[in-house]
Structures are given as structure tokens and as C-alpha cells.
Amino acid sequence: MPNPYPDPIPPGPDPTPGPTPGPDPQPHPVPTPEPPPAPGPTPLPPPPPPSPGPRPTPEPSPSPIPPGPEPVPNPEPGPPLT
């Protein structure tokens, strides 16, 4: 029985090669992290504030203000305004 499929398509020319890759890029040097500074001595907390001394004795209240002169009575009312 004859082959029902035609002959396969012959391969074409080799594809054009792409641009040549350049040299490998230089790897970036990884910076070495600097070690943290060594902790110094722990500072002492500030001393507490000095306690206040005894409170001064409050001065005695001054005597009350003496009353002023007697108020002057109002004069007789005038005629009503129109």
C-alpha cells in the first residue's frame, strides 16, 4: 500500500546565529558589613532629685480691707426723657 503522506519537508538552511555574547560581567563584590561597635559600660541612671526641704510657714493673712466711706445717695430722679 502506498504511503498516504507526502515526503516530509526538507530542512531549511541553518538559522543565522545571534550576536556573540560578550564576556561574563564581573561579579559585584559583596560589601562586608562592619561589625557593630562593642557596647561600652552601661551608664548609670541619673540620681534622684534632692528632696525638698520643709515648706516655709505661710505668712498670716493680712487683715481684711477696711470698709470705704458711706456711699453717696443718688439725687432725686429728674423728669422722664422724651
PDB file of N, CA and C in Angstrom:
ATOM      1  N   MET A   1       0.837  -1.160   0.000  1.00  0.00           N
ATOM      2  CA  MET A   1       0.000   0.000   0.000  1.00  0.00           C
ATOM      3  C   MET A   1       0.888   1.231   0.000  1.00  0.00           C
ATOM      4  N   PRO A   2       0.554   2.178  -0.848  1.00  0.00           N
ATOM      5  CA  PRO A   2       1.423   3.360  -0.924  1.00  0.00           C
ATOM      6  C   PRO A   2       1.250   4.243   0.317  1.00  0.00           C
ATOM      7  N   ASN A   3       2.295   5.031   0.610  1.00  0.00           N
ATOM      8  CA  ASN A   3       2.297   5.938   1.766  1.00  0.00           C
ATOM      9  C   ASN A   3       1.315   7.071   1.488  1.00  0.00           C
ATOM     10  N   PRO A   4       0.288   7.255   2.323  1.00  0.00           N
ATOM     11  CA  PRO A   4      -0.669   8.323   2.030  1.00  0.00           C
ATOM     12  C   PRO A   4      -0.104   9.705   2.342  1.00  0.00           C
ATOM     13  N   TYR A   5       0.953   9.795   3.089  1.00  0.00           N
ATOM     14  CA  TYR A   5       1.533  11.098   3.448  1.00  0.00           C
ATOM     15  C   TYR A   5       2.654  11.458   2.485  1.00  0.00           C
ATOM     16  N   PRO A   6       2.733  12.717   2.091  1.00  0.00           N
ATOM     17  CA  PRO A   6       3.849  13.085   1.197  1.00  0.00           C
ATOM     18  C   PRO A   6       5.156  13.065   1.969  1.00  0.00           C
ATOM     19  N   ASP A   7       6.205  13.224   1.252  1.00  0.00           N
ATOM     20  CA  ASP A   7       7.531  13.244   1.872  1.00  0.00           C
ATOM     21  C   ASP A   7       7.614  14.442   2.831  1.00  0.00           C
ATOM     22  N   PRO A   8       8.336  14.275   3.924  1.00  0.00           N
ATOM     23  CA  PRO A   8       8.468  15.410   4.846  1.00  0.00           C
ATOM     24  C   PRO A   8       9.198  16.571   4.192  1.00  0.00           C
ATOM     25  N   ILE A   9       8.932  17.787   4.690  1.00  0.00           N
ATOM     26  CA  ILE A   9       9.573  18.984   4.125  1.00  0.00           C
ATOM     27  C   ILE A   9      11.045  18.926   4.482  1.00  0.00           C
ATOM     28  N   PRO A  10      11.887  19.142   3.491  1.00  0.00           N
ATOM     29  CA  PRO A  10      13.319  19.086   3.796  1.00  0.00           C
ATOM     30  C   PRO A  10      13.688  20.243   4.727  1.00  0.00           C
ATOM     31  N   PRO A  11      14.659  20.051   5.573  1.00  0.00           N
ATOM     32  CA  PRO A  11      15.051  21.129   6.481  1.00  0.00           C
ATOM     33  C   PRO A  11      15.629  22.303   5.716  1.00  0.00           C
ATOM     34  N   GLY A  12      15.367  23.530   6.212  1.00  0.00           N
ATOM     35  CA  GLY A  12      15.875  24.732   5.566  1.00  0.00           C
ATOM     36  C   GLY A  12      17.318  24.981   5.979  1.00  0.00           C
ATOM     37  N   PRO A  13      17.840  26.126   5.568  1.00  0.00           N
ATOM     38  CA  PRO A  13      19.223  26.438   5.952  1.00  0.00           C
ATOM     39  C   PRO A  13      19.296  26.677   7.462  1.00  0.00           C
ATOM     40  N   ASP A  14      20.492  26.579   7.996  1.00  0.00           N
ATOM     41  CA  ASP A  14      20.692  26.814   9.426  1.00  0.00           C
ATOM     42  C   ASP A  14      20.293  28.261   9.762  1.00  0.00           C
ATOM     43  N   PRO A  15      19.653  28.469  10.859  1.00  0.00           N
ATOM     44  CA  PRO A  15      19.276  29.849  11.208  1.00  0.00           C
ATOM     45  C   PRO A  15      20.516  30.693  11.470  1.00  0.00           C
ATOM     46  N   THR A  16      20.382  31.976  11.198  1.00  0.00           N
ATOM     47  CA  THR A  16      21.518  32.881  11.396  1.00  0.00           C
ATOM     48  C   THR A  16      21.820  32.949  12.889  1.00  0.00           C
ATOM     49  N   PRO A  17      23.056  32.748  13.258  1.00  0.00           N
ATOM     50  CA  PRO A  17      23.355  32.817  14.693  1.00  0.00           C
ATOM     51  C   PRO A  17      23.181  34.250  15.203  1.00  0.00           C
ATOM     52  N   GLY A  18      22.791  34.374  16.439  1.00  0.00           N
ATOM     53  CA  GLY A  18      22.598  35.698  17.044  1.00  0.00           C
ATOM     54  C   GLY A  18      23.934  36.338  17.381  1.00  0.00           C
ATOM     55  N   PRO A  19      23.909  37.496  17.968  1.00  0.00           N
ATOM     56  CA  PRO A  19      25.177  38.154  18.317  1.00  0.00           C
ATOM     57  C   PRO A  19      25.931  37.327  19.351  1.00  0.00           C
ATOM     58  N   THR A  20      27.219  37.420  19.257  1.00  0.00           N
ATOM     59  CA  THR A  20      28.046  36.633  20.180  1.00  0.00           C
ATOM     60  C   THR A  20      27.947  37.254  21.566  1.00  0.00           C
ATOM     61  N   PRO A  21      27.723  36.455  22.535  1.00  0.00           N
ATOM     62  CA  PRO A  21      27.657  37.035  23.879  1.00  0.00           C
ATOM     63  C   PRO A  21      29.003  37.613  24.279  1.00  0.00           C
ATOM     64  N   GLY A  22      28.964  38.697  25.013  1.00  0.00           N
ATOM     65  CA  GLY A  22      30.200  39.336  25.464  1.00  0.00           C
ATOM     66  C   GLY A  22      30.801  38.569  26.622  1.00  0.00           C
ATOM     67  N   PRO A  23      31.845  39.114  27.182  1.00  0.00           N
ATOM     68  CA  PRO A  23      32.462  38.425  28.318  1.00  0.00           C
ATOM     69  C   PRO A  23      31.513  38.452  29.517  1.00  0.00           C
ATOM     70  N   ASP A  24      31.697  37.520  30.389  1.00  0.00           N
ATOM     71  CA  ASP A  24      30.864  37.468  31.587  1.00  0.00           C
ATOM     72  C   ASP A  24      31.101  38.738  32.408  1.00  0.00           C
ATOM     73  N   PRO A  25      30.037  39.356  32.868  1.00  0.00           N
ATOM     74  CA  PRO A  25      30.252  40.556  33.688  1.00  0.00           C
ATOM     75  C   PRO A  25      30.926  40.186  34.998  1.00  0.00           C
ATOM     76  N   GLN A  26      31.738  41.129  35.456  1.00  0.00           N
ATOM     77  CA  GLN A  26      32.436  40.871  36.714  1.00  0.00           C
ATOM     78  C   GLN A  26      31.415  40.881  37.849  1.00  0.00           C
ATOM     79  N   PRO A  27      31.465  39.920  38.699  1.00  0.00           N
ATOM     80  CA  PRO A  27      30.507  39.943  39.813  1.00  0.00           C
ATOM     81  C   PRO A  27      30.823  41.098  40.759  1.00  0.00           C
ATOM     82  N   HIS A  28      29.779  41.729  41.243  1.00  0.00           N
ATOM     83  CA  HIS A  28      29.987  42.834  42.184  1.00  0.00           C
ATOM     84  C   HIS A  28      30.454  42.263  43.513  1.00  0.00           C
ATOM     85  N   PRO A  29      31.485  42.853  44.078  1.00  0.00           N
ATOM     86  CA  PRO A  29      31.910  42.333  45.387  1.00  0.00           C
ATOM     87  C   PRO A  29      30.842  42.650  46.437  1.00  0.00           C
ATOM     88  N   VAL A  30      30.546  41.688  47.242  1.00  0.00           N
ATOM     89  CA  VAL A  30      29.551  41.891  48.297  1.00  0.00           C
ATOM     90  C   VAL A  30      30.237  42.640  49.434  1.00  0.00           C
ATOM     91  N   PRO A  31      29.730  43.835  49.788  1.00  0.00           N
ATOM     92  CA  PRO A  31      30.405  44.562  50.875  1.00  0.00           C
ATOM     93  C   PRO A  31      30.248  43.809  52.188  1.00  0.00           C
ATOM     94  N   THR A  32      31.325  43.780  52.913  1.00  0.00           N
ATOM     95  CA  THR A  32      31.279  43.100  54.207  1.00  0.00           C
ATOM     96  C   THR A  32      30.686  44.063  55.218  1.00  0.00           C
ATOM     97  N   PRO A  33      29.617  43.685  55.876  1.00  0.00           N
ATOM     98  CA  PRO A  33      29.057  44.622  56.855  1.00  0.00           C
ATOM     99  C   PRO A  33      30.012  44.811  58.019  1.00  0.00           C
ATOM    100  N   GLU A  34      30.125  46.077  58.440  1.00  0.00           N
ATOM    101  CA  GLU A  34      31.035  46.339  59.554  1.00  0.00           C
ATOM    102  C   GLU A  34      30.407  45.814  60.835  1.00  0.00           C
ATOM    103  N   PRO A  35      31.213  45.253  61.695  1.00  0.00           N
ATOM    104  CA  PRO A  35      30.632  44.743  62.944  1.00  0.00           C
ATOM    105  C   PRO A  35      30.136  45.904  63.797  1.00  0.00           C
ATOM    106  N   PRO A  36      29.070  45.696  64.545  1.00  0.00           N
ATOM    107  CA  PRO A  36      28.585  46.799  65.386  1.00  0.00           C
ATOM    108  C   PRO A  36      29.615  47.140  66.446  1.00  0.00           C
ATOM    109  N   PRO A  37      29.646  48.393  66.869  1.00  0.00           N
ATOM    110  CA  PRO A  37      30.646  48.760  67.878  1.00  0.00           C
ATOM    111  C   PRO A  37      30.379  48.010  69.178  1.00  0.00           C
ATOM    112  N   ALA A  38      31.448  47.731  69.856  1.00  0.00           N
ATOM    113  CA  ALA A  38      31.317  46.987  71.113  1.00  0.00           C
ATOM    114  C   ALA A  38      30.583  47.854  72.123  1.00  0.00           C
ATOM    115  N   PRO A  39      29.639  47.279  72.832  1.00  0.00           N
ATOM    116  CA  PRO A  39      28.910  48.112  73.796  1.00  0.00           C
ATOM    117  C   PRO A  39      29.818  48.547  74.930  1.00  0.00           C
ATOM    118  N   GLY A  40      29.709  49.804  75.272  1.00  0.00           N
ATOM    119  CA  GLY A  40      30.514  50.330  76.372  1.00  0.00           C
ATOM    120  C   GLY A  40      29.843  50.030  77.699  1.00  0.00           C
ATOM    121  N   PRO A  41      30.367  50.587  78.764  1.00  0.00           N
ATOM    122  CA  PRO A  41      29.722  50.349  80.063  1.00  0.00           C
ATOM    123  C   PRO A  41      28.339  50.996  80.087  1.00  0.00           C
ATOM    124  N   THR A  42      27.422  50.339  80.731  1.00  0.00           N
ATOM    125  CA  THR A  42      26.060  50.871  80.803  1.00  0.00           C
ATOM    126  C   THR A  42      26.065  52.113  81.684  1.00  0.00           C
ATOM    127  N   PRO A  43      25.537  53.232  81.168  1.00  0.00           N
ATOM    128  CA  PRO A  43      25.560  54.439  82.003  1.00  0.00           C
ATOM    129  C   PRO A  43      24.614  54.272  83.185  1.00  0.00           C
ATOM    130  N   LEU A  44      25.004  54.851  84.297  1.00  0.00           N
ATOM    131  CA  LEU A  44      24.177  54.766  85.495  1.00  0.00           C
ATOM    132  C   LEU A  44      22.975  55.683  85.345  1.00  0.00           C
ATOM    133  N   PRO A  45      21.853  55.319  85.928  1.00  0.00           N
ATOM    134  CA  PRO A  45      20.701  56.225  85.834  1.00  0.00           C
ATOM    135  C   PRO A  45      20.985  57.498  86.616  1.00  0.00           C
ATOM    136  N   PRO A  46      20.370  58.603  86.224  1.00  0.00           N
ATOM    137  CA  PRO A  46      20.653  59.855  86.935  1.00  0.00           C
ATOM    138  C   PRO A  46      20.178  59.748  88.378  1.00  0.00           C
ATOM    139  N   PRO A  47      20.864  60.413  89.289  1.00  0.00           N
ATOM    140  CA  PRO A  47      20.450  60.330  90.699  1.00  0.00           C
ATOM    141  C   PRO A  47      19.092  60.991  90.881  1.00  0.00           C
ATOM    142  N   PRO A  48      18.331  60.555  91.862  1.00  0.00           N
ATOM    143  CA  PRO A  48      17.015  61.179  92.073  1.00  0.00           C
ATOM    144  C   PRO A  48      17.185  62.621  92.520  1.00  0.00           C
ATOM    145  N   PRO A  49      16.215  63.470  92.207  1.00  0.00           N
ATOM    146  CA  PRO A  49      16.359  64.875  92.611  1.00  0.00           C
ATOM    147  C   PRO A  49      16.351  64.978  94.128  1.00  0.00           C
ATOM    148  N   PRO A  50      17.052  65.947  94.660  1.00  0.00           N
ATOM    149  CA  PRO A  50      17.083  66.070  96.124  1.00  0.00           C
ATOM    150  C   PRO A  50      15.689  66.376  96.654  1.00  0.00           C
ATOM    151  N   SER A  51      15.389  65.817  97.803  1.00  0.00           N
ATOM    152  CA  SER A  51      14.050  66.029  98.365  1.00  0.00           C
ATOM    153  C   SER A  51      13.938  67.475  98.834  1.00  0.00           C
ATOM    154  N   PRO A  52      12.790  68.084  98.605  1.00  0.00           N
ATOM    155  CA  PRO A  52      12.659  69.479  99.032  1.00  0.00           C
ATOM    156  C   PRO A  52      12.670  69.559 100.548  1.00  0.00           C
ATOM    157  N   GLY A  53      13.180  70.635 101.046  1.00  0.00           N
ATOM    158  CA  GLY A  53      13.245  70.834 102.495  1.00  0.00           C
ATOM    159  C   GLY A  53      11.854  71.096 103.053  1.00  0.00           C
ATOM    160  N   PRO A  54      11.779  71.424 104.327  1.00  0.00           N
ATOM    161  CA  PRO A  54      10.456  71.713 104.903  1.00  0.00           C
ATOM    162  C   PRO A  54       9.848  72.934 104.244  1.00  0.00           C
ATOM    163  N   ARG A  55       8.549  72.885 104.073  1.00  0.00           N
ATOM    164  CA  ARG A  55       7.887  74.006 103.408  1.00  0.00           C
ATOM    165  C   ARG A  55       7.924  75.230 104.320  1.00  0.00           C
ATOM    166  N   PRO A  56       8.097  76.402 103.719  1.00  0.00           N
ATOM    167  CA  PRO A  56       8.113  77.599 104.571  1.00  0.00           C
ATOM    168  C   PRO A  56       6.732  77.821 105.180  1.00  0.00           C
ATOM    169  N   THR A  57       6.744  78.367 106.353  1.00  0.00           N
ATOM    170  CA  THR A  57       5.477  78.641 107.040  1.00  0.00           C
ATOM    171  C   THR A  57       4.747  79.733 106.280  1.00  0.00           C
ATOM    172  N   PRO A  58       3.487  79.497 105.932  1.00  0.00           N
ATOM    173  CA  PRO A  58       2.789  80.554 105.180  1.00  0.00           C
ATOM    174  C   PRO A  58       2.618  81.792 106.044  1.00  0.00           C
ATOM    175  N   GLU A  59       2.708  82.936 105.374  1.00  0.00           N
ATOM    176  CA  GLU A  59       2.557  84.193 106.108  1.00  0.00           C
ATOM    177  C   GLU A  59       1.105  84.325 106.561  1.00  0.00           C
ATOM    178  N   PRO A  60       0.887  84.962 107.707  1.00  0.00           N
ATOM    179  CA  PRO A  60      -0.508  85.133 108.137  1.00  0.00           C
ATOM    180  C   PRO A  60      -1.264  86.016 107.165  1.00  0.00           C
ATOM    181  N   SER A  61      -2.535  85.727 107.014  1.00  0.00           N
ATOM    182  CA  SER A  61      -3.349  86.504 106.075  1.00  0.00           C
ATOM    183  C   SER A  61      -3.416  87.947 106.552  1.00  0.00           C
ATOM    184  N   PRO A  62      -3.318  88.898 105.613  1.00  0.00           N
ATOM    185  CA  PRO A  62      -3.435  90.292 106.053  1.00  0.00           C
ATOM    186  C   PRO A  62      -4.857  90.553 106.553  1.00  0.00           C
ATOM    187  N   SER A  63      -4.975  91.614 107.342  1.00  0.00           N
ATOM    188  CA  SER A  63      -6.297  91.942 107.888  1.00  0.00           C
ATOM    189  C   SER A  63      -7.228  92.305 106.740  1.00  0.00           C
ATOM    190  N   PRO A  64      -8.522  92.060 106.888  1.00  0.00           N
ATOM    191  CA  PRO A  64      -9.429  92.370 105.780  1.00  0.00           C
ATOM    192  C   PRO A  64      -9.408  93.858 105.453  1.00  0.00           C
ATOM    193  N   ILE A  65      -9.766  94.181 104.228  1.00  0.00           N
ATOM    194  CA  ILE A  65      -9.744  95.575 103.775  1.00  0.00           C
ATOM    195  C   ILE A  65     -10.814  96.345 104.556  1.00  0.00           C
ATOM    196  N   PRO A  66     -10.423  97.478 105.116  1.00  0.00           N
ATOM    197  CA  PRO A  66     -11.432  98.242 105.869  1.00  0.00           C
ATOM    198  C   PRO A  66     -12.501  98.777 104.931  1.00  0.00           C
ATOM    199  N   PRO A  67     -13.718  98.912 105.408  1.00  0.00           N
ATOM    200  CA  PRO A  67     -14.769  99.417 104.520  1.00  0.00           C
ATOM    201  C   PRO A  67     -14.511 100.875 104.149  1.00  0.00           C
ATOM    202  N   GLY A  68     -14.939 101.258 102.963  1.00  0.00           N
ATOM    203  CA  GLY A  68     -14.756 102.624 102.489  1.00  0.00           C
ATOM    204  C   GLY A  68     -15.797 103.543 103.098  1.00  0.00           C
ATOM    205  N   PRO A  69     -15.818 104.820 102.646  1.00  0.00           N
ATOM    206  CA  PRO A  69     -16.808 105.760 103.182  1.00  0.00           C
ATOM    207  C   PRO A  69     -18.218 105.351 102.769  1.00  0.00           C
ATOM    208  N   GLU A  70     -19.173 105.886 103.439  1.00  0.00           N
ATOM    209  CA  GLU A  70     -20.564 105.571 103.133  1.00  0.00           C
ATOM    210  C   GLU A  70     -20.876 106.009 101.708  1.00  0.00           C
ATOM    211  N   PRO A  71     -21.653 105.223 100.963  1.00  0.00           N
ATOM    212  CA  PRO A  71     -21.976 105.646  99.596  1.00  0.00           C
ATOM    213  C   PRO A  71     -22.887 106.865  99.612  1.00  0.00           C
ATOM    214  N   VAL A  72     -22.669 107.730  98.608  1.00  0.00           N
ATOM    215  CA  VAL A  72     -23.476 108.944  98.489  1.00  0.00           C
ATOM    216  C   VAL A  72     -24.809 108.541  97.882  1.00  0.00           C
ATOM    217  N   PRO A  73     -25.944 108.944  98.459  1.00  0.00           N
ATOM    218  CA  PRO A  73     -27.230 108.560  97.865  1.00  0.00           C
ATOM    219  C   PRO A  73     -27.433 109.264  96.537  1.00  0.00           C
ATOM    220  N   ASN A  74     -28.199 108.644  95.657  1.00  0.00           N
ATOM    221  CA  ASN A  74     -28.470 109.230  94.339  1.00  0.00           C
ATOM    222  C   ASN A  74     -29.361 110.451  94.514  1.00  0.00           C
ATOM    223  N   PRO A  75     -29.157 111.473  93.653  1.00  0.00           N
ATOM    224  CA  PRO A  75     -30.055 112.624  93.737  1.00  0.00           C
ATOM    225  C   PRO A  75     -31.466 112.226  93.293  1.00  0.00           C
ATOM    226  N   GLU A  76     -32.388 113.104  93.498  1.00  0.00           N
ATOM    227  CA  GLU A  76     -33.764 112.829  93.093  1.00  0.00           C
ATOM    228  C   GLU A  76     -33.809 112.619  91.591  1.00  0.00           C
ATOM    229  N   PRO A  77     -34.603 111.655  91.119  1.00  0.00           N
ATOM    230  CA  PRO A  77     -34.660 111.447  89.667  1.00  0.00           C
ATOM    231  C   PRO A  77     -35.271 112.652  88.973  1.00  0.00           C
ATOM    232  N   GLY A  78     -34.762 112.973  87.779  1.00  0.00           N
ATOM    233  CA  GLY A  78     -35.246 114.102  87.001  1.00  0.00           C
ATOM    234  C   GLY A  78     -36.489 113.715  86.215  1.00  0.00           C
ATOM    235  N   PRO A  79     -36.943 114.626  85.384  1.00  0.00           N
ATOM    236  CA  PRO A  79     -38.129 114.322  84.578  1.00  0.00           C
ATOM    237  C   PRO A  79     -37.806 113.218  83.578  1.00  0.00           C
ATOM    238  N   PRO A  80     -38.781 112.430  83.185  1.00  0.00           N
ATOM    239  CA  PRO A  80     -38.503 111.355  82.228  1.00  0.00           C
ATOM    240  C   PRO A  80     -38.074 111.913  80.883  1.00  0.00           C
ATOM    241  N   LEU A  81     -37.196 111.227  80.236  1.00  0.00           N
ATOM    242  CA  LEU A  81     -36.726 111.653  78.915  1.00  0.00           C
ATOM    243  C   LEU A  81     -37.812 111.367  77.898  1.00  0.00           C
ATOM    244  N   THR A  82     -37.907 112.281  76.926  1.00  0.00           N
ATOM    245  CA  THR A  82     -38.928 112.071  75.910  1.00  0.00           C
ATOM    246  C   THR A  82     -38.306 111.688  74.620  1.00  0.00           C
TER     247      THR A  82
END
